Each structure stands twice: as C-alpha cells, then as structure tokens.
PDB file of all heavy atoms in Angstrom:
ATOM      1  N   LEU A   1      75.798 105.268  35.279  1.00  0.00           N
ATOM      2  CA  LEU A   1      74.415 105.721  35.096  1.00  0.00           C
ATOM      3  C   LEU A   1      73.502 104.565  34.688  1.00  0.00           C
ATOM      4  O   LEU A   1      72.363 104.466  35.158  1.00  0.00           O
ATOM      5  CB  LEU A   1      74.351 106.838  34.059  1.00  0.00           C
ATOM      6  CG  LEU A   1      74.926 108.175  34.501  1.00  0.00           C
ATOM      7  CD1 LEU A   1      74.914 109.154  33.328  1.00  0.00           C
ATOM      8  CD2 LEU A   1      74.153 108.741  35.673  1.00  0.00           C
ATOM      9  N   ALA A   2      74.005 103.698  33.828  1.00  0.00           N
ATOM     10  CA  ALA A   2      73.214 102.538  33.427  1.00  0.00           C
ATOM     11  C   ALA A   2      72.957 101.613  34.617  1.00  0.00           C
ATOM     12  O   ALA A   2      71.856 101.066  34.766  1.00  0.00           O
ATOM     13  CB  ALA A   2      73.918 101.786  32.309  1.00  0.00           C
ATOM     14  N   ALA A   3      73.949 101.454  35.488  1.00  0.00           N
ATOM     15  CA  ALA A   3      73.775 100.613  36.672  1.00  0.00           C
ATOM     16  C   ALA A   3      72.752 101.223  37.626  1.00  0.00           C
ATOM     17  O   ALA A   3      71.914 100.516  38.190  1.00  0.00           O
ATOM     18  CB  ALA A   3      75.112 100.410  37.374  1.00  0.00           C
ATOM     19  N   VAL A   4      72.797 102.540  37.792  1.00  0.00           N
ATOM     20  CA  VAL A   4      71.827 103.218  38.663  1.00  0.00           C
ATOM     21  C   VAL A   4      70.416 103.070  38.096  1.00  0.00           C
ATOM     22  O   VAL A   4      69.459 102.817  38.838  1.00  0.00           O
ATOM     23  CB  VAL A   4      72.207 104.704  38.848  1.00  0.00           C
ATOM     24  CG1 VAL A   4      71.073 105.489  39.468  1.00  0.00           C
ATOM     25  CG2 VAL A   4      73.455 104.818  39.697  1.00  0.00           C
ATOM     26  N   LEU A   5      70.268 103.212  36.790  1.00  0.00           N
ATOM     27  CA  LEU A   5      68.953 103.030  36.170  1.00  0.00           C
ATOM     28  C   LEU A   5      68.455 101.599  36.342  1.00  0.00           C
ATOM     29  O   LEU A   5      67.259 101.378  36.563  1.00  0.00           O
ATOM     30  CB  LEU A   5      69.014 103.404  34.694  1.00  0.00           C
ATOM     31  CG  LEU A   5      69.146 104.885  34.393  1.00  0.00           C
ATOM     32  CD1 LEU A   5      69.329 105.108  32.897  1.00  0.00           C
ATOM     33  CD2 LEU A   5      67.935 105.640  34.904  1.00  0.00           C
ATOM     34  N   SER A   6      69.357 100.652  36.252  1.00  0.00           N
ATOM     35  CA  SER A   6      68.974  99.259  36.439  1.00  0.00           C
ATOM     36  C   SER A   6      68.541  99.006  37.890  1.00  0.00           C
ATOM     37  O   SER A   6      67.559  98.290  38.135  1.00  0.00           O
ATOM     38  CB  SER A   6      70.135  98.341  36.072  1.00  0.00           C
ATOM     39  OG  SER A   6      69.777  97.008  36.233  1.00  0.00           O
ATOM     40  N   MET A   7      69.249  99.598  38.842  1.00  0.00           N
ATOM     41  CA  MET A   7      68.843  99.461  40.244  1.00  0.00           C
ATOM     42  C   MET A   7      67.486 100.112  40.485  1.00  0.00           C
ATOM     43  O   MET A   7      66.666  99.583  41.244  1.00  0.00           O
ATOM     44  CB  MET A   7      69.896 100.090  41.154  1.00  0.00           C
ATOM     45  CG  MET A   7      71.173  99.320  41.236  1.00  0.00           C
ATOM     46  SD  MET A   7      72.324 100.183  42.323  1.00  0.00           S
ATOM     47  CE  MET A   7      73.869  99.725  41.592  1.00  0.00           C
ATOM     48  N   SER A   8      67.258 101.228  39.833  1.00  0.00           N
ATOM     49  CA  SER A   8      65.958 101.892  39.951  1.00  0.00           C
ATOM     50  C   SER A   8      64.856 101.025  39.348  1.00  0.00           C
ATOM     51  O   SER A   8      63.742 100.983  39.869  1.00  0.00           O
ATOM     52  CB  SER A   8      65.987 103.246  39.251  1.00  0.00           C
ATOM     53  OG  SER A   8      66.924 104.088  39.863  1.00  0.00           O
ATOM     54  N   ALA A   9      65.180 100.360  38.257  1.00  0.00           N
ATOM     55  CA  ALA A   9      64.199  99.480  37.625  1.00  0.00           C
ATOM     56  C   ALA A   9      63.830  98.312  38.538  1.00  0.00           C
ATOM     57  O   ALA A   9      62.687  97.830  38.496  1.00  0.00           O
ATOM     58  CB  ALA A   9      64.740  98.967  36.298  1.00  0.00           C
ATOM     59  N   ILE A  10      64.766  97.879  39.362  1.00  0.00           N
ATOM     60  CA  ILE A  10      64.440  96.828  40.333  1.00  0.00           C
ATOM     61  C   ILE A  10      63.374  97.339  41.290  1.00  0.00           C
ATOM     62  O   ILE A  10      62.385  96.645  41.577  1.00  0.00           O
ATOM     63  CB  ILE A  10      65.701  96.374  41.099  1.00  0.00           C
ATOM     64  CG1 ILE A  10      66.673  95.676  40.158  1.00  0.00           C
ATOM     65  CG2 ILE A  10      65.329  95.444  42.253  1.00  0.00           C
ATOM     66  CD1 ILE A  10      68.040  95.395  40.759  1.00  0.00           C
ATOM     67  N   GLY A  11      63.548  98.557  41.774  1.00  0.00           N
ATOM     68  CA  GLY A  11      62.554  99.146  42.672  1.00  0.00           C
ATOM     69  C   GLY A  11      61.208  99.338  41.998  1.00  0.00           C
ATOM     70  O   GLY A  11      60.158  99.098  42.598  1.00  0.00           O
ATOM     71  N   VAL A  12      61.224  99.758  40.747  1.00  0.00           N
ATOM     72  CA  VAL A  12      59.972  99.930  40.000  1.00  0.00           C
ATOM     73  C   VAL A  12      59.294  98.586  39.815  1.00  0.00           C
ATOM     74  O   VAL A  12      58.071  98.468  39.969  1.00  0.00           O
ATOM     75  CB  VAL A  12      60.244 100.614  38.644  1.00  0.00           C
ATOM     76  CG1 VAL A  12      59.015 100.566  37.749  1.00  0.00           C
ATOM     77  CG2 VAL A  12      60.703 102.045  38.854  1.00  0.00           C
ATOM     78  N   GLY A  13      60.074  97.569  39.494  1.00  0.00           N
ATOM     79  CA  GLY A  13      59.511  96.228  39.323  1.00  0.00           C
ATOM     80  C   GLY A  13      58.889  95.698  40.603  1.00  0.00           C
ATOM     81  O   GLY A  13      57.834  95.061  40.580  1.00  0.00           O
ATOM     82  N   ILE A  14      59.525  95.988  41.736  1.00  0.00           N
ATOM     83  CA  ILE A  14      58.945  95.570  43.025  1.00  0.00           C
ATOM     84  C   ILE A  14      57.659  96.324  43.276  1.00  0.00           C
ATOM     85  O   ILE A  14      56.669  95.745  43.732  1.00  0.00           O
ATOM     86  CB  ILE A  14      59.971  95.790  44.162  1.00  0.00           C
ATOM     87  CG1 ILE A  14      61.128  94.801  44.023  1.00  0.00           C
ATOM     88  CG2 ILE A  14      59.302  95.653  45.520  1.00  0.00           C
ATOM     89  CD1 ILE A  14      62.287  95.065  44.962  1.00  0.00           C
ATOM     90  N   GLY A  15      57.657  97.612  42.950  1.00  0.00           N
ATOM     91  CA  GLY A  15      56.448  98.412  43.137  1.00  0.00           C
ATOM     92  C   GLY A  15      55.309  97.942  42.248  1.00  0.00           C
ATOM     93  O   GLY A  15      54.135  97.994  42.637  1.00  0.00           O
ATOM     94  N   MET A  16      55.643  97.493  41.046  1.00  0.00           N
ATOM     95  CA  MET A  16      54.630  96.992  40.120  1.00  0.00           C
ATOM     96  C   MET A  16      54.232  95.552  40.434  1.00  0.00           C
ATOM     97  O   MET A  16      53.299  95.027  39.838  1.00  0.00           O
ATOM     98  CB  MET A  16      55.163  97.039  38.678  1.00  0.00           C
ATOM     99  CG  MET A  16      55.320  98.414  38.127  1.00  0.00           C
ATOM    100  SD  MET A  16      56.161  98.488  36.526  1.00  0.00           S
ATOM    101  CE  MET A  16      55.579  97.064  35.658  1.00  0.00           C
ATOM    102  N   ARG A  17      54.980  94.920  41.322  1.00  0.00           N
ATOM    103  CA  ARG A  17      54.799  93.510  41.666  1.00  0.00           C
ATOM    104  C   ARG A  17      54.952  92.620  40.434  1.00  0.00           C
ATOM    105  O   ARG A  17      54.188  91.678  40.211  1.00  0.00           O
ATOM    106  CB  ARG A  17      53.447  93.270  42.329  1.00  0.00           C
ATOM    107  CG  ARG A  17      53.334  93.965  43.658  1.00  0.00           C
ATOM    108  CD  ARG A  17      52.043  93.671  44.339  1.00  0.00           C
ATOM    109  NE  ARG A  17      51.965  94.462  45.570  1.00  0.00           N
ATOM    110  CZ  ARG A  17      51.168  94.154  46.555  1.00  0.00           C
ATOM    111  NH1 ARG A  17      50.387  93.106  46.478  1.00  0.00           N
ATOM    112  NH2 ARG A  17      51.155  94.900  47.630  1.00  0.00           N
ATOM    113  N   SER A  18      55.962  92.950  39.641  1.00  0.00           N
ATOM    114  CA  SER A  18      56.249  92.214  38.417  1.00  0.00           C
ATOM    115  C   SER A  18      57.585  91.512  38.558  1.00  0.00           C
ATOM    116  O   SER A  18      58.643  92.149  38.520  1.00  0.00           O
ATOM    117  CB  SER A  18      56.266  93.168  37.219  1.00  0.00           C
ATOM    118  OG  SER A  18      56.717  92.496  36.070  1.00  0.00           O
ATOM    119  N   ILE A  19      57.535  90.209  38.709  1.00  0.00           N
ATOM    120  CA  ILE A  19      58.764  89.437  38.872  1.00  0.00           C
ATOM    121  C   ILE A  19      59.591  89.483  37.588  1.00  0.00           C
ATOM    122  O   ILE A  19      60.821  89.452  37.631  1.00  0.00           O
ATOM    123  CB  ILE A  19      58.461  87.984  39.313  1.00  0.00           C
ATOM    124  CG1 ILE A  19      59.742  87.258  39.744  1.00  0.00           C
ATOM    125  CG2 ILE A  19      57.763  87.226  38.230  1.00  0.00           C
ATOM    126  CD1 ILE A  19      60.311  87.747  41.027  1.00  0.00           C
ATOM    127  N   PHE A  20      58.919  89.582  36.437  1.00  0.00           N
ATOM    128  CA  PHE A  20      59.623  89.650  35.157  1.00  0.00           C
ATOM    129  C   PHE A  20      60.504  90.898  35.073  1.00  0.00           C
ATOM    130  O   PHE A  20      61.664  90.829  34.658  1.00  0.00           O
ATOM    131  CB  PHE A  20      58.624  89.633  34.001  1.00  0.00           C
ATOM    132  CG  PHE A  20      59.273  89.750  32.657  1.00  0.00           C
ATOM    133  CD1 PHE A  20      59.999  88.698  32.130  1.00  0.00           C
ATOM    134  CD2 PHE A  20      59.169  90.924  31.927  1.00  0.00           C
ATOM    135  CE1 PHE A  20      60.618  88.808  30.892  1.00  0.00           C
ATOM    136  CE2 PHE A  20      59.783  91.044  30.697  1.00  0.00           C
ATOM    137  CZ  PHE A  20      60.500  89.981  30.177  1.00  0.00           C
ATOM    138  N   VAL A  21      59.984  92.043  35.476  1.00  0.00           N
ATOM    139  CA  VAL A  21      60.751  93.289  35.436  1.00  0.00           C
ATOM    140  C   VAL A  21      61.918  93.217  36.412  1.00  0.00           C
ATOM    141  O   VAL A  21      63.029  93.657  36.095  1.00  0.00           O
ATOM    142  CB  VAL A  21      59.842  94.503  35.736  1.00  0.00           C
ATOM    143  CG1 VAL A  21      60.660  95.781  35.860  1.00  0.00           C
ATOM    144  CG2 VAL A  21      58.775  94.651  34.671  1.00  0.00           C
ATOM    145  N   VAL A  22      61.686  92.659  37.584  1.00  0.00           N
ATOM    146  CA  VAL A  22      62.754  92.544  38.589  1.00  0.00           C
ATOM    147  C   VAL A  22      63.877  91.653  38.069  1.00  0.00           C
ATOM    148  O   VAL A  22      65.054  92.012  38.145  1.00  0.00           O
ATOM    149  CB  VAL A  22      62.191  92.009  39.922  1.00  0.00           C
ATOM    150  CG1 VAL A  22      63.315  91.708  40.897  1.00  0.00           C
ATOM    151  CG2 VAL A  22      61.217  93.000  40.523  1.00  0.00           C
ATOM    152  N   ILE A  23      63.526  90.506  37.514  1.00  0.00           N
ATOM    153  CA  ILE A  23      64.546  89.582  36.998  1.00  0.00           C
ATOM    154  C   ILE A  23      65.301  90.213  35.835  1.00  0.00           C
ATOM    155  O   ILE A  23      66.528  90.121  35.757  1.00  0.00           O
ATOM    156  CB  ILE A  23      63.903  88.236  36.589  1.00  0.00           C
ATOM    157  CG1 ILE A  23      63.431  87.498  37.844  1.00  0.00           C
ATOM    158  CG2 ILE A  23      64.872  87.380  35.797  1.00  0.00           C
ATOM    159  CD1 ILE A  23      62.627  86.258  37.575  1.00  0.00           C
ATOM    160  N   LEU A  24      64.576  90.876  34.944  1.00  0.00           N
ATOM    161  CA  LEU A  24      65.211  91.537  33.810  1.00  0.00           C
ATOM    162  C   LEU A  24      66.178  92.631  34.275  1.00  0.00           C
ATOM    163  O   LEU A  24      67.300  92.746  33.755  1.00  0.00           O
ATOM    164  CB  LEU A  24      64.141  92.132  32.899  1.00  0.00           C
ATOM    165  CG  LEU A  24      64.589  92.641  31.546  1.00  0.00           C
ATOM    166  CD1 LEU A  24      65.086  91.474  30.698  1.00  0.00           C
ATOM    167  CD2 LEU A  24      63.434  93.325  30.853  1.00  0.00           C
ATOM    168  N   ALA A  25      65.785  93.398  35.279  1.00  0.00           N
ATOM    169  CA  ALA A  25      66.641  94.465  35.800  1.00  0.00           C
ATOM    170  C   ALA A  25      67.867  93.901  36.515  1.00  0.00           C
ATOM    171  O   ALA A  25      68.961  94.465  36.407  1.00  0.00           O
ATOM    172  CB  ALA A  25      65.843  95.373  36.730  1.00  0.00           C
ATOM    173  N   VAL A  26      67.710  92.810  37.234  1.00  0.00           N
ATOM    174  CA  VAL A  26      68.847  92.188  37.925  1.00  0.00           C
ATOM    175  C   VAL A  26      69.846  91.646  36.904  1.00  0.00           C
ATOM    176  O   VAL A  26      71.062  91.831  37.051  1.00  0.00           O
ATOM    177  CB  VAL A  26      68.371  91.082  38.891  1.00  0.00           C
ATOM    178  CG1 VAL A  26      69.535  90.236  39.379  1.00  0.00           C
ATOM    179  CG2 VAL A  26      67.630  91.687  40.067  1.00  0.00           C
ATOM    180  N   VAL A  27      69.348  91.012  35.860  1.00  0.00           N
ATOM    181  CA  VAL A  27      70.234  90.495  34.810  1.00  0.00           C
ATOM    182  C   VAL A  27      70.957  91.652  34.132  1.00  0.00           C
ATOM    183  O   VAL A  27      72.171  91.589  33.880  1.00  0.00           O
ATOM    184  CB  VAL A  27      69.441  89.646  33.794  1.00  0.00           C
ATOM    185  CG1 VAL A  27      70.276  89.333  32.569  1.00  0.00           C
ATOM    186  CG2 VAL A  27      68.946  88.370  34.447  1.00  0.00           C
ATOM    187  N   ALA A  28      70.235  92.728  33.849  1.00  0.00           N
ATOM    188  CA  ALA A  28      70.854  93.902  33.228  1.00  0.00           C
ATOM    189  C   ALA A  28      71.934  94.492  34.142  1.00  0.00           C
ATOM    190  O   ALA A  28      73.015  94.865  33.677  1.00  0.00           O
ATOM    191  CB  ALA A  28      69.795  94.950  32.907  1.00  0.00           C
ATOM    192  N   LEU A  29      71.661  94.550  35.434  1.00  0.00           N
ATOM    193  CA  LEU A  29      72.634  95.081  36.395  1.00  0.00           C
ATOM    194  C   LEU A  29      73.900  94.230  36.417  1.00  0.00           C
ATOM    195  O   LEU A  29      75.015  94.758  36.406  1.00  0.00           O
ATOM    196  CB  LEU A  29      72.018  95.156  37.792  1.00  0.00           C
ATOM    197  CG  LEU A  29      72.925  95.683  38.900  1.00  0.00           C
ATOM    198  CD1 LEU A  29      73.334  97.118  38.615  1.00  0.00           C
ATOM    199  CD2 LEU A  29      72.226  95.585  40.240  1.00  0.00           C
ATOM    200  N   ILE A  30      73.736  92.933  36.424  1.00  0.00           N
ATOM    201  CA  ILE A  30      74.896  92.034  36.435  1.00  0.00           C
ATOM    202  C   ILE A  30      75.728  92.214  35.170  1.00  0.00           C
ATOM    203  O   ILE A  30      76.963  92.289  35.228  1.00  0.00           O
ATOM    204  CB  ILE A  30      74.444  90.566  36.608  1.00  0.00           C
ATOM    205  CG1 ILE A  30      73.887  90.361  38.012  1.00  0.00           C
ATOM    206  CG2 ILE A  30      75.579  89.594  36.315  1.00  0.00           C
ATOM    207  CD1 ILE A  30      73.172  89.042  38.222  1.00  0.00           C
ATOM    208  N   LEU A  31      75.060  92.315  34.019  1.00  0.00           N
ATOM    209  CA  LEU A  31      75.785  92.495  32.764  1.00  0.00           C
ATOM    210  C   LEU A  31      76.503  93.840  32.707  1.00  0.00           C
ATOM    211  O   LEU A  31      77.657  93.931  32.274  1.00  0.00           O
ATOM    212  CB  LEU A  31      74.820  92.363  31.583  1.00  0.00           C
ATOM    213  CG  LEU A  31      74.249  90.971  31.338  1.00  0.00           C
ATOM    214  CD1 LEU A  31      73.210  91.010  30.228  1.00  0.00           C
ATOM    215  CD2 LEU A  31      75.362  89.993  31.016  1.00  0.00           C
ATOM    216  N   ILE A  32      75.835  94.883  33.144  1.00  0.00           N
ATOM    217  CA  ILE A  32      76.438  96.224  33.116  1.00  0.00           C
ATOM    218  C   ILE A  32      77.634  96.301  34.048  1.00  0.00           C
ATOM    219  O   ILE A  32      78.702  96.801  33.681  1.00  0.00           O
ATOM    220  CB  ILE A  32      75.382  97.287  33.474  1.00  0.00           C
ATOM    221  CG1 ILE A  32      74.335  97.388  32.376  1.00  0.00           C
ATOM    222  CG2 ILE A  32      76.033  98.641  33.726  1.00  0.00           C
ATOM    223  CD1 ILE A  32      73.087  98.150  32.779  1.00  0.00           C
ATOM    224  N   MET A  33      77.466  95.812  35.273  1.00  0.00           N
ATOM    225  CA  MET A  33      78.572  95.862  36.236  1.00  0.00           C
ATOM    226  C   MET A  33      79.742  94.992  35.760  1.00  0.00           C
ATOM    227  O   MET A  33      80.897  95.387  35.884  1.00  0.00           O
ATOM    228  CB  MET A  33      78.097  95.392  37.610  1.00  0.00           C
ATOM    229  CG  MET A  33      77.074  96.303  38.251  1.00  0.00           C
ATOM    230  SD  MET A  33      77.762  97.822  38.863  1.00  0.00           S
ATOM    231  CE  MET A  33      78.615  97.243  40.297  1.00  0.00           C
TER     232      MET A  33
END
C-alpha cells in the first residue's frame, strides 16, 4: 500500500509540475520497495 501511494504521488507530482514532489516520491518508492 505504501508503494502504491508513492507511485500515485509520482503522478500527482507530474500533474503539479513539481520536480521536488516527483523526486521525493521516487526516493520513497525505492526505499519502500
């Protein structure tokens, strides 16, 4: 569930056009997985 939320956050970050959110979500995904 945490990995799915992190993947969703990547999509939200892309939608917001925020590179910071995308990078943070990718790092979180790598750590969780």
